[in-house]
Amino acid sequence: MNRWGLGAAAFSTVAAMILPLWATSPEQSPVHADGTYSSNTQAEAKRAATDFIPDGGFSDGAWKTTNWVDFDHDLAGRSNYPGNLTSVAAVWTDDSIYFGFRCRYDSLNMFEGEDISKERWELWNRDVAEVFLNPQPERMSHYYEFEVAPNNQWIDLEIEKKNEPFNDASWNSGFQHATRIDKENHVWTAEMRIPLRSMKVQNIQQGSAWRVNFFRAAGHGADNQRMFLAWSTIPKGQTFHVPSRFGVLHFAK
């Protein structure tokens, strides 16, 4: 996807001039967030007794009791890609929310030879697993974006659709993440641990619900040659950033 590789300050300065150029990019095209939620796609986060460090291999026992959701369809739900089947699960504690991804792949497209400890702008132009998370569903236009690549490169963004630019790359959640690549079985896996305090959340109440969507970007070449998958489909299929189509994440015991 064709976004501009600028630092946050420079990006803010020129955003008004370049926003129209994003019209064909599914990842970061701006869409106004008005109206009500129109998706009832459901997922569940299971409670864990204690926090744990992600290792990318789901070795903590908390993952054994989770319910995984699967998707292999494109953004609009018109085409299926079984070779890129994606499974996602969620876990929560008093201080964190965790997401796990299992991602089938045909081939991998990553930025090579870079320092993976540093946030990677335009990471979405390679293979990534993504979480768009809204802990305040009543505020539809405001949410958070977390991306991890197979080689553990990462980016996190705070989104406010009413702003220009709408994505704040200067925000830092401090989220932890780890990945593994199983070349023999063509599966890569990822775990994310997101501190609640980074999203101004004091705690999670059992029985409550947030809004969320899960995405994959995969493949080589231009956007029209790559695959963009969404858990909760977006019928117009033009951008990931349609918060009215976020599904429901329930917090269970």
Protein backbone atom coordinates (compact mmCIF):
# COMPACT_ATOMS: atom_id res chain seq x y z
CA MET A 1 0.00 0.00 0.00
CA ASN A 2 1.23 3.30 -1.00
CA ARG A 3 1.64 5.52 2.07
CA TRP A 4 4.29 8.12 2.47
CA GLY A 5 7.43 7.19 4.41
CA LEU A 6 7.62 10.31 6.53
CA GLY A 7 8.20 10.93 10.19
CA ALA A 8 5.18 11.93 12.24
CA ALA A 9 5.96 15.67 12.22
CA ALA A 10 6.66 15.84 8.50
CA PHE A 11 3.64 13.68 7.83
CA SER A 12 1.40 16.12 9.66
CA THR A 13 2.71 19.02 7.62
CA VAL A 14 2.04 17.52 4.22
CA ALA A 15 -0.95 15.30 4.94
CA ALA A 16 -3.52 17.74 3.59
CA MET A 17 -1.75 17.71 0.23
CA ILE A 18 -1.35 13.95 -0.13
CA LEU A 19 -4.54 12.49 1.33
CA PRO A 20 -6.29 12.37 -2.06
CA LEU A 21 -3.50 10.11 -3.38
CA TRP A 22 -4.53 7.33 -0.97
CA ALA A 23 -7.90 6.72 -2.55
CA THR A 24 -6.97 3.29 -3.88
CA SER A 25 -4.98 2.06 -0.87
CA PRO A 26 -7.06 -0.30 1.34
CA GLU A 27 -4.82 0.05 4.37
CA GLN A 28 -4.96 3.75 5.20
CA SER A 29 -7.57 5.47 3.03
CA PRO A 30 -9.52 7.98 5.16
CA VAL A 31 -13.25 7.39 5.61
CA HIS A 32 -15.43 9.48 7.92
CA ALA A 33 -16.77 7.56 10.91
CA ASP A 34 -20.40 8.54 11.28
CA GLY A 35 -23.53 6.54 12.05
CA THR A 36 -23.84 3.27 13.94
CA TYR A 37 -22.11 -0.10 13.93
CA SER A 38 -23.30 -2.40 11.16
CA SER A 39 -21.36 -5.58 11.98
CA ASN A 40 -22.36 -8.21 14.50
CA THR A 41 -19.36 -10.48 13.93
CA GLN A 42 -18.42 -11.94 17.33
CA ALA A 43 -15.20 -12.90 19.09
CA GLU A 44 -14.39 -13.71 22.70
CA ALA A 45 -11.45 -12.88 24.96
CA LYS A 46 -10.79 -15.31 27.80
CA ARG A 47 -9.46 -14.17 31.16
CA ALA A 48 -5.99 -15.27 32.31
CA ALA A 49 -5.01 -15.27 35.97
CA THR A 50 -1.65 -13.58 35.43
CA ASP A 51 0.25 -11.71 32.75
CA PHE A 52 2.85 -13.51 30.63
CA ILE A 53 5.54 -12.62 28.11
CA PRO A 54 4.63 -13.32 24.46
CA ASP A 55 6.92 -15.85 22.77
CA GLY A 56 5.15 -16.23 19.43
CA GLY A 57 4.48 -19.92 20.05
CA PHE A 58 1.50 -19.81 22.43
CA SER A 59 3.42 -21.66 25.12
CA ASP A 60 1.51 -20.03 27.97
CA GLY A 61 -1.39 -22.12 29.21
CA ALA A 62 -3.82 -19.22 28.80
CA TRP A 63 -3.99 -19.91 25.05
CA LYS A 64 -5.24 -23.47 25.60
CA THR A 65 -8.68 -22.29 26.73
CA THR A 66 -9.23 -19.60 24.11
CA ASN A 67 -11.75 -19.68 21.26
CA TRP A 68 -10.17 -18.99 17.89
CA VAL A 69 -11.96 -17.24 15.03
CA ASP A 70 -10.96 -17.95 11.41
CA PHE A 71 -11.12 -15.97 8.19
CA ASP A 72 -9.70 -16.34 4.70
CA HIS A 73 -11.87 -13.94 2.72
CA ASP A 74 -10.87 -10.64 1.23
CA LEU A 75 -11.81 -7.23 2.55
CA ALA A 76 -15.22 -7.22 0.86
CA GLY A 77 -15.97 -10.92 1.47
CA ARG A 78 -16.10 -11.68 -2.26
CA SER A 79 -13.04 -13.94 -2.64
CA ASN A 80 -11.47 -16.63 -0.46
CA TYR A 81 -7.79 -17.43 -0.04
CA PRO A 82 -7.48 -20.79 1.80
CA GLY A 83 -3.70 -20.61 1.49
CA ASN A 84 -3.81 -17.52 3.73
CA LEU A 85 -6.25 -18.81 6.33
CA THR A 86 -5.92 -16.67 9.47
CA SER A 87 -6.91 -17.61 13.01
CA VAL A 88 -7.10 -15.14 15.92
CA ALA A 89 -7.63 -15.53 19.66
CA ALA A 90 -7.69 -13.05 22.56
CA VAL A 91 -6.80 -13.15 26.25
CA TRP A 92 -7.18 -10.48 28.94
CA THR A 93 -5.86 -9.77 32.42
CA ASP A 94 -6.15 -6.90 34.88
CA ASP A 95 -3.40 -5.02 33.08
CA SER A 96 -3.19 -6.26 29.48
CA ILE A 97 -5.01 -7.58 26.47
CA TYR A 98 -3.36 -10.20 24.28
CA PHE A 99 -3.94 -11.26 20.68
CA GLY A 100 -2.63 -14.37 18.97
CA PHE A 101 -2.46 -14.95 15.21
CA ARG A 102 -1.90 -18.11 13.19
CA CYS A 103 -1.29 -17.19 9.57
CA ARG A 104 -0.97 -19.62 6.69
CA TYR A 105 1.10 -18.34 3.79
CA ASP A 106 2.28 -19.26 0.31
CA SER A 107 5.36 -17.05 0.40
CA LEU A 108 6.54 -14.26 2.69
CA ASN A 109 7.12 -10.62 1.80
CA MET A 110 9.12 -8.77 4.47
CA PHE A 111 11.53 -5.88 4.87
CA GLU A 112 14.91 -7.60 5.10
CA GLY A 113 18.02 -6.58 7.02
CA GLU A 114 16.42 -3.86 9.15
CA ASP A 115 16.51 -3.20 12.89
CA ILE A 116 13.32 -4.84 14.13
CA SER A 117 13.55 -3.04 17.46
CA LYS A 118 12.54 0.20 15.72
CA GLU A 119 9.01 1.05 14.67
CA ARG A 120 8.62 0.56 10.92
CA TRP A 121 6.58 3.18 9.07
CA GLU A 122 4.69 1.76 6.08
CA LEU A 123 4.97 -1.75 7.47
CA TRP A 124 1.62 -2.45 5.79
CA ASN A 125 3.45 -2.54 2.45
CA ARG A 126 4.67 -6.01 3.42
CA ASP A 127 3.04 -9.05 5.09
CA VAL A 128 1.41 -8.13 8.40
CA ALA A 129 -1.20 -9.21 10.91
CA GLU A 130 -3.23 -6.32 12.29
CA VAL A 131 -5.57 -5.47 15.16
CA PHE A 132 -7.79 -2.38 15.06
CA LEU A 133 -9.05 -2.01 18.62
CA ASN A 134 -11.66 0.33 20.10
CA PRO A 135 -12.00 0.15 23.91
CA GLN A 136 -14.58 2.97 23.82
CA PRO A 137 -17.21 1.79 21.32
CA GLU A 138 -19.35 4.86 21.93
CA ARG A 139 -16.53 6.89 20.38
CA MET A 140 -16.53 5.22 17.00
CA SER A 141 -13.99 7.47 15.30
CA HIS A 142 -11.22 6.82 17.83
CA TYR A 143 -9.29 3.53 18.02
CA TYR A 144 -5.82 1.98 17.99
CA GLU A 145 -3.92 0.07 15.34
CA PHE A 146 -1.30 -2.62 16.01
CA GLU A 147 0.68 -4.38 13.29
CA VAL A 148 3.28 -7.15 13.42
CA ALA A 149 5.18 -8.71 10.52
CA PRO A 150 6.43 -12.31 10.32
CA ASN A 151 9.96 -11.15 11.24
CA ASN A 152 8.56 -9.26 14.28
CA GLN A 153 8.79 -5.77 12.79
CA TRP A 154 6.03 -3.60 14.19
CA ILE A 155 4.10 -0.35 14.23
CA ASP A 156 1.38 1.05 16.48
CA LEU A 157 -0.85 4.03 15.73
CA GLU A 158 -3.54 6.03 17.47
CA ILE A 159 -6.41 6.78 15.09
CA GLU A 160 -8.89 9.64 15.21
CA LYS A 161 -10.88 9.72 12.00
CA LYS A 162 -12.00 13.29 12.60
CA ASN A 163 -8.41 14.56 12.43
CA GLU A 164 -6.17 15.21 9.45
CA PRO A 165 -3.97 13.26 9.35
CA PHE A 166 -6.07 10.65 11.10
CA ASN A 167 -3.19 8.35 12.13
CA ASP A 168 -0.77 9.45 14.85
CA ALA A 169 2.54 7.63 14.49
CA SER A 170 4.06 9.48 17.46
CA TRP A 171 1.81 7.51 19.86
CA ASN A 172 3.65 4.65 21.55
CA SER A 173 1.75 1.89 23.33
CA GLY A 174 4.81 -0.02 24.49
CA PHE A 175 3.12 -3.22 23.34
CA GLN A 176 5.14 -6.44 23.39
CA HIS A 177 5.14 -8.84 20.47
CA ALA A 178 6.83 -12.00 19.29
CA THR A 179 6.64 -14.10 16.13
CA ARG A 180 7.72 -17.47 14.78
CA ILE A 181 7.91 -18.82 11.23
CA ASP A 182 7.22 -22.50 10.58
CA LYS A 183 8.67 -22.87 7.09
CA GLU A 184 7.85 -26.57 6.86
CA ASN A 185 4.12 -26.04 7.37
CA HIS A 186 3.94 -22.56 5.83
CA VAL A 187 2.50 -20.93 8.96
CA TRP A 188 3.71 -17.89 10.82
CA THR A 189 2.45 -17.01 14.27
CA ALA A 190 2.36 -13.86 16.37
CA GLU A 191 1.48 -12.83 19.90
CA MET A 192 0.80 -9.27 21.04
CA ARG A 193 0.51 -7.96 24.60
CA ILE A 194 -1.04 -4.49 24.79
CA PRO A 195 -0.95 -2.55 28.10
CA LEU A 196 -4.41 -1.29 29.00
CA ARG A 197 -2.96 1.93 30.40
CA SER A 198 -1.58 2.83 26.95
CA MET A 199 -5.19 3.14 25.75
CA LYS A 200 -6.28 5.03 28.89
CA VAL A 201 -8.17 1.96 30.14
CA GLN A 202 -8.13 1.42 33.90
CA ASN A 203 -9.47 -2.13 33.82
CA ILE A 204 -11.67 -4.53 31.88
CA GLN A 205 -15.01 -5.61 33.29
CA GLN A 206 -16.01 -9.22 32.72
CA GLY A 207 -19.12 -9.23 30.53
CA SER A 208 -18.24 -5.98 28.79
CA ALA A 209 -17.54 -5.65 25.08
CA TRP A 210 -15.23 -3.61 22.86
CA ARG A 211 -15.14 -3.20 19.11
CA VAL A 212 -12.38 -4.76 17.02
CA ASN A 213 -11.36 -5.87 13.56
CA PHE A 214 -8.56 -8.18 12.45
CA PHE A 215 -6.71 -7.95 9.15
CA ARG A 216 -3.97 -9.55 7.06
CA ALA A 217 -1.96 -8.03 4.25
CA ALA A 218 -0.04 -10.61 2.22
CA GLY A 219 1.68 -11.14 -1.10
CA HIS A 220 4.11 -9.45 -3.43
CA GLY A 221 3.73 -6.69 -5.97
CA ALA A 222 1.35 -3.77 -6.29
CA ASP A 223 -1.81 -3.51 -4.21
CA ASN A 224 -3.93 -5.06 -6.96
CA GLN A 225 -1.68 -8.14 -6.84
CA ARG A 226 -1.65 -8.52 -3.06
CA MET A 227 -4.25 -9.98 -0.70
CA PHE A 228 -6.04 -7.92 1.93
CA LEU A 229 -8.12 -10.02 4.33
CA ALA A 230 -10.60 -8.86 6.96
CA TRP A 231 -12.32 -10.76 9.77
CA SER A 232 -15.40 -8.49 9.75
CA THR A 233 -15.95 -7.74 6.09
CA ILE A 234 -16.15 -4.25 4.63
CA PRO A 235 -18.56 -4.50 1.67
CA LYS A 236 -17.17 -1.54 -0.27
CA GLY A 237 -13.71 -3.05 0.08
CA GLN A 238 -11.78 0.20 -0.30
CA THR A 239 -10.08 0.70 3.08
CA PHE A 240 -9.47 -1.07 6.38
CA HIS A 241 -10.48 2.09 8.22
CA VAL A 242 -14.24 1.67 8.42
CA PRO A 243 -14.91 1.51 12.19
CA SER A 244 -18.64 1.02 11.70
CA ARG A 245 -17.73 -2.47 10.44
CA PHE A 246 -15.73 -3.45 13.54
CA GLY A 247 -16.97 -6.66 15.12
CA VAL A 248 -17.71 -7.29 18.80
CA LEU A 249 -15.10 -8.53 21.28
CA HIS A 250 -16.70 -9.97 24.42
CA PHE A 251 -14.74 -10.33 27.66
CA ALA A 252 -15.48 -13.70 29.22
CA LYS A 253 -14.34 -15.49 32.37
